[in-house]
Amino acid sequence: MIPTVDAAGDIVTAAKLFCGFSDRTRLAIIRFLADDEQRVTDIVDALGSSQANISGHLKCLKDCGLVIDRRSGREAFYRIAHPEVLDVLRSAERLLAVTGQ
C-alpha cells in the first residue's frame, strides 16, 4: 500500500524504512547479507570500514527493520530480516534500468 497524505503515521513509517536504503554503506551491507548471515567482523573486513562505522549502520538497519541480529557469546551475527528487503532492492535496480540512471 502506498501511504497517503491522510495516513501520516504510515508516511513516517515508510520514511523510516527508506532511510535504511538511503546510504551507500547500508546498501553495501544489505547486499553483503543477501547470501547469508554474517558476523560484524566479516562485514567490517568485506567493506573495508571501521567497526564503529559498520556498527552504526547496522543499528540504523536494525531500527528500520531491515536486518536482525543473533548473539552467540560475544559475537553478533546479522541477516536480512525479511526476503522482501531484497525484493525492494531488485525493484530499485529495475527502476534504475528503466530510467537510465
N, C-alpha and C. Protein backbone atom coordinates (compact mmCIF):
# COMPACT_ATOMS: atom_id res chain seq x y z
N MET A 1 0.83 -1.17 0.00
CA MET A 1 0.00 0.00 0.00
C MET A 1 0.88 1.24 0.00
N ILE A 2 0.58 2.17 -0.83
CA ILE A 2 1.30 3.44 -0.88
C ILE A 2 0.70 4.36 0.18
N PRO A 3 1.54 4.90 1.08
CA PRO A 3 1.00 5.78 2.11
C PRO A 3 0.33 7.00 1.50
N THR A 4 -0.75 7.43 2.13
CA THR A 4 -1.47 8.62 1.67
C THR A 4 -1.18 9.78 2.61
N VAL A 5 -1.53 10.96 2.17
CA VAL A 5 -1.34 12.15 3.00
C VAL A 5 -2.17 12.04 4.28
N ASP A 6 -3.32 11.38 4.21
CA ASP A 6 -4.17 11.25 5.38
C ASP A 6 -3.61 10.28 6.41
N ALA A 7 -2.69 9.46 6.00
CA ALA A 7 -2.13 8.46 6.89
C ALA A 7 -0.72 8.86 7.31
N ALA A 8 -0.62 9.93 8.08
CA ALA A 8 0.68 10.49 8.46
C ALA A 8 1.56 9.46 9.14
N GLY A 9 0.99 8.62 9.97
CA GLY A 9 1.78 7.57 10.63
C GLY A 9 2.38 6.61 9.63
N ASP A 10 1.63 6.28 8.57
CA ASP A 10 2.15 5.39 7.54
C ASP A 10 3.30 6.04 6.78
N ILE A 11 3.21 7.33 6.54
CA ILE A 11 4.27 8.04 5.84
C ILE A 11 5.53 8.06 6.68
N VAL A 12 5.39 8.29 7.96
CA VAL A 12 6.53 8.30 8.87
C VAL A 12 7.20 6.92 8.87
N THR A 13 6.40 5.89 8.94
CA THR A 13 6.92 4.53 8.93
C THR A 13 7.64 4.22 7.62
N ALA A 14 7.04 4.62 6.50
CA ALA A 14 7.66 4.39 5.19
C ALA A 14 8.96 5.18 5.08
N ALA A 15 8.98 6.40 5.57
CA ALA A 15 10.19 7.22 5.52
C ALA A 15 11.30 6.57 6.34
N LYS A 16 10.96 6.03 7.48
CA LYS A 16 11.95 5.35 8.33
C LYS A 16 12.51 4.13 7.60
N LEU A 17 11.64 3.39 6.93
CA LEU A 17 12.07 2.22 6.17
C LEU A 17 13.07 2.63 5.08
N PHE A 18 12.70 3.65 4.30
CA PHE A 18 13.55 4.06 3.18
C PHE A 18 14.84 4.73 3.65
N CYS A 19 14.85 5.24 4.86
CA CYS A 19 16.09 5.78 5.43
C CYS A 19 17.17 4.70 5.43
N GLY A 20 16.77 3.48 5.70
CA GLY A 20 17.73 2.37 5.70
C GLY A 20 18.37 2.13 4.36
N PHE A 21 17.67 2.46 3.29
CA PHE A 21 18.19 2.26 1.94
C PHE A 21 18.92 3.50 1.41
N SER A 22 19.00 4.56 2.19
CA SER A 22 19.45 5.85 1.67
C SER A 22 20.95 6.11 1.77
N ASP A 23 21.72 5.12 2.15
CA ASP A 23 23.16 5.31 2.31
C ASP A 23 23.91 4.20 1.60
N ARG A 24 24.98 4.54 0.92
CA ARG A 24 25.71 3.53 0.13
C ARG A 24 26.32 2.45 1.01
N THR A 25 26.77 2.79 2.20
CA THR A 25 27.32 1.75 3.09
C THR A 25 26.23 0.80 3.54
N ARG A 26 25.06 1.33 3.87
CA ARG A 26 23.95 0.46 4.28
C ARG A 26 23.51 -0.43 3.12
N LEU A 27 23.49 0.11 1.91
CA LEU A 27 23.16 -0.72 0.75
C LEU A 27 24.19 -1.81 0.56
N ALA A 28 25.47 -1.49 0.75
CA ALA A 28 26.52 -2.49 0.62
C ALA A 28 26.37 -3.58 1.68
N ILE A 29 25.99 -3.19 2.88
CA ILE A 29 25.76 -4.17 3.95
C ILE A 29 24.61 -5.10 3.57
N ILE A 30 23.52 -4.52 3.10
CA ILE A 30 22.36 -5.34 2.70
C ILE A 30 22.76 -6.31 1.60
N ARG A 31 23.48 -5.83 0.62
CA ARG A 31 23.94 -6.72 -0.47
C ARG A 31 24.84 -7.83 0.07
N PHE A 32 25.72 -7.49 1.00
CA PHE A 32 26.63 -8.48 1.58
C PHE A 32 25.85 -9.54 2.37
N LEU A 33 24.78 -9.12 3.02
CA LEU A 33 23.97 -10.05 3.80
C LEU A 33 22.98 -10.84 2.95
N ALA A 34 22.88 -10.52 1.68
CA ALA A 34 21.88 -11.17 0.81
C ALA A 34 22.09 -12.67 0.73
N ASP A 35 23.34 -13.11 0.79
CA ASP A 35 23.62 -14.54 0.64
C ASP A 35 23.51 -15.32 1.93
N ASP A 36 23.86 -14.68 3.04
CA ASP A 36 23.89 -15.44 4.29
C ASP A 36 24.10 -14.51 5.48
N GLU A 37 23.87 -15.05 6.63
CA GLU A 37 24.14 -14.37 7.89
C GLU A 37 25.65 -14.12 8.00
N GLN A 38 26.02 -12.98 8.56
CA GLN A 38 27.43 -12.63 8.68
C GLN A 38 27.74 -12.03 10.05
N ARG A 39 28.97 -12.27 10.51
CA ARG A 39 29.44 -11.64 11.73
C ARG A 39 29.79 -10.18 11.44
N VAL A 40 29.72 -9.35 12.44
CA VAL A 40 30.08 -7.94 12.27
C VAL A 40 31.50 -7.83 11.74
N THR A 41 32.41 -8.61 12.27
CA THR A 41 33.81 -8.53 11.82
C THR A 41 33.94 -8.90 10.35
N ASP A 42 33.12 -9.82 9.85
CA ASP A 42 33.16 -10.17 8.43
C ASP A 42 32.67 -9.00 7.57
N ILE A 43 31.66 -8.30 8.05
CA ILE A 43 31.14 -7.14 7.31
C ILE A 43 32.20 -6.04 7.28
N VAL A 44 32.83 -5.80 8.42
CA VAL A 44 33.89 -4.79 8.50
C VAL A 44 35.00 -5.12 7.51
N ASP A 45 35.44 -6.37 7.49
CA ASP A 45 36.52 -6.78 6.58
C ASP A 45 36.10 -6.67 5.12
N ALA A 46 34.89 -7.10 4.81
CA ALA A 46 34.42 -7.10 3.43
C ALA A 46 34.27 -5.68 2.87
N LEU A 47 33.83 -4.76 3.72
CA LEU A 47 33.57 -3.40 3.25
C LEU A 47 34.75 -2.46 3.49
N GLY A 48 35.75 -2.93 4.22
CA GLY A 48 36.93 -2.10 4.46
C GLY A 48 36.63 -0.85 5.24
N SER A 49 35.76 -0.97 6.21
CA SER A 49 35.38 0.19 7.02
C SER A 49 35.71 -0.10 8.48
N SER A 50 35.49 0.88 9.32
CA SER A 50 35.78 0.70 10.75
C SER A 50 34.63 -0.03 11.44
N GLN A 51 34.96 -0.65 12.54
CA GLN A 51 33.95 -1.35 13.36
C GLN A 51 32.87 -0.36 13.82
N ALA A 52 33.28 0.81 14.25
CA ALA A 52 32.31 1.81 14.73
C ALA A 52 31.36 2.24 13.62
N ASN A 53 31.89 2.47 12.42
CA ASN A 53 31.06 2.89 11.30
C ASN A 53 30.05 1.81 10.92
N ILE A 54 30.52 0.59 10.79
CA ILE A 54 29.61 -0.52 10.42
C ILE A 54 28.59 -0.75 11.52
N SER A 55 29.00 -0.69 12.76
CA SER A 55 28.05 -0.89 13.87
C SER A 55 26.95 0.17 13.85
N GLY A 56 27.32 1.41 13.55
CA GLY A 56 26.31 2.47 13.46
C GLY A 56 25.32 2.22 12.34
N HIS A 57 25.82 1.78 11.20
CA HIS A 57 24.94 1.48 10.08
C HIS A 57 24.06 0.27 10.37
N LEU A 58 24.62 -0.73 11.03
CA LEU A 58 23.82 -1.91 11.40
C LEU A 58 22.72 -1.53 12.39
N LYS A 59 23.01 -0.61 13.30
CA LYS A 59 21.97 -0.15 14.23
C LYS A 59 20.84 0.52 13.46
N CYS A 60 21.19 1.36 12.49
CA CYS A 60 20.16 2.01 11.67
C CYS A 60 19.33 0.97 10.92
N LEU A 61 20.00 0.01 10.29
CA LEU A 61 19.29 -1.02 9.54
C LEU A 61 18.39 -1.85 10.45
N LYS A 62 18.85 -2.11 11.65
CA LYS A 62 18.04 -2.85 12.61
C LYS A 62 16.84 -2.01 13.06
N ASP A 63 17.07 -0.72 13.35
CA ASP A 63 15.98 0.17 13.75
C ASP A 63 14.93 0.32 12.64
N CYS A 64 15.38 0.24 11.38
CA CYS A 64 14.47 0.34 10.24
C CYS A 64 13.75 -0.97 9.96
N GLY A 65 14.14 -2.03 10.63
CA GLY A 65 13.51 -3.33 10.44
C GLY A 65 14.03 -4.10 9.24
N LEU A 66 15.19 -3.69 8.71
CA LEU A 66 15.73 -4.34 7.52
C LEU A 66 16.64 -5.52 7.84
N VAL A 67 17.30 -5.49 9.00
CA VAL A 67 18.13 -6.61 9.43
C VAL A 67 17.79 -6.98 10.86
N ILE A 68 18.15 -8.20 11.21
CA ILE A 68 18.02 -8.66 12.60
C ILE A 68 19.36 -9.26 13.00
N ASP A 69 19.56 -9.35 14.30
CA ASP A 69 20.82 -9.92 14.78
C ASP A 69 20.56 -11.10 15.69
N ARG A 70 21.62 -11.87 15.86
CA ARG A 70 21.62 -13.03 16.74
C ARG A 70 22.94 -13.01 17.47
N ARG A 71 22.88 -13.15 18.78
CA ARG A 71 24.09 -13.15 19.58
C ARG A 71 24.54 -14.59 19.82
N SER A 72 25.85 -14.77 19.76
CA SER A 72 26.48 -16.04 20.10
C SER A 72 27.74 -15.70 20.87
N GLY A 73 27.64 -15.79 22.19
CA GLY A 73 28.75 -15.35 23.03
C GLY A 73 28.94 -13.85 22.87
N ARG A 74 30.16 -13.45 22.52
CA ARG A 74 30.46 -12.03 22.35
C ARG A 74 30.24 -11.55 20.92
N GLU A 75 29.93 -12.48 20.02
CA GLU A 75 29.77 -12.11 18.61
C GLU A 75 28.30 -11.86 18.27
N ALA A 76 28.12 -10.95 17.33
CA ALA A 76 26.78 -10.67 16.80
C ALA A 76 26.77 -11.07 15.33
N PHE A 77 25.74 -11.78 14.95
CA PHE A 77 25.54 -12.20 13.57
C PHE A 77 24.31 -11.47 13.04
N TYR A 78 24.43 -10.92 11.84
CA TYR A 78 23.33 -10.17 11.23
C TYR A 78 22.85 -10.87 9.98
N ARG A 79 21.55 -10.72 9.73
CA ARG A 79 20.96 -11.24 8.50
C ARG A 79 19.80 -10.36 8.08
N ILE A 80 19.39 -10.52 6.84
CA ILE A 80 18.23 -9.79 6.33
C ILE A 80 17.00 -10.21 7.12
N ALA A 81 16.20 -9.25 7.54
CA ALA A 81 15.04 -9.54 8.38
C ALA A 81 13.92 -10.24 7.62
N HIS A 82 13.72 -9.86 6.37
CA HIS A 82 12.62 -10.40 5.57
C HIS A 82 13.07 -10.50 4.11
N PRO A 83 12.66 -11.52 3.38
CA PRO A 83 13.05 -11.62 1.97
C PRO A 83 12.59 -10.42 1.14
N GLU A 84 11.56 -9.75 1.57
CA GLU A 84 11.04 -8.57 0.85
C GLU A 84 12.06 -7.44 0.78
N VAL A 85 13.01 -7.40 1.72
CA VAL A 85 14.07 -6.39 1.68
C VAL A 85 14.83 -6.51 0.36
N LEU A 86 15.15 -7.73 -0.01
CA LEU A 86 15.87 -7.95 -1.27
C LEU A 86 14.97 -7.67 -2.46
N ASP A 87 13.67 -7.92 -2.31
CA ASP A 87 12.73 -7.58 -3.39
C ASP A 87 12.73 -6.07 -3.67
N VAL A 88 12.82 -5.27 -2.61
CA VAL A 88 12.87 -3.82 -2.78
C VAL A 88 14.13 -3.43 -3.56
N LEU A 89 15.25 -4.03 -3.22
CA LEU A 89 16.50 -3.73 -3.95
C LEU A 89 16.39 -4.13 -5.41
N ARG A 90 15.83 -5.30 -5.67
CA ARG A 90 15.67 -5.74 -7.06
C ARG A 90 14.75 -4.80 -7.83
N SER A 91 13.68 -4.36 -7.18
CA SER A 91 12.76 -3.41 -7.83
C SER A 91 13.46 -2.09 -8.13
N ALA A 92 14.27 -1.63 -7.20
CA ALA A 92 15.02 -0.38 -7.42
C ALA A 92 15.99 -0.54 -8.59
N GLU A 93 16.64 -1.69 -8.69
CA GLU A 93 17.56 -1.92 -9.80
C GLU A 93 16.80 -1.91 -11.14
N ARG A 94 15.61 -2.51 -11.16
CA ARG A 94 14.80 -2.49 -12.39
C ARG A 94 14.37 -1.07 -12.74
N LEU A 95 13.98 -0.30 -11.73
CA LEU A 95 13.57 1.08 -11.97
C LEU A 95 14.74 1.91 -12.51
N LEU A 96 15.92 1.71 -11.93
CA LEU A 96 17.09 2.43 -12.41
C LEU A 96 17.43 2.04 -13.85
N ALA A 97 17.23 0.78 -14.20
CA ALA A 97 17.49 0.34 -15.57
C ALA A 97 16.50 0.99 -16.55
N VAL A 98 15.26 1.13 -16.14
CA VAL A 98 14.23 1.73 -16.99
C VAL A 98 14.44 3.23 -17.16
N THR A 99 14.83 3.89 -16.08
CA THR A 99 15.00 5.35 -16.15
C THR A 99 16.36 5.73 -16.71
N GLY A 100 17.25 4.75 -16.83
CA GLY A 100 18.57 5.02 -17.39
C GLY A 100 19.50 5.74 -16.45
N GLN A 101 19.20 5.68 -15.18
CA GLN A 101 20.05 6.38 -14.19
C GLN A 101 20.56 5.40 -13.16
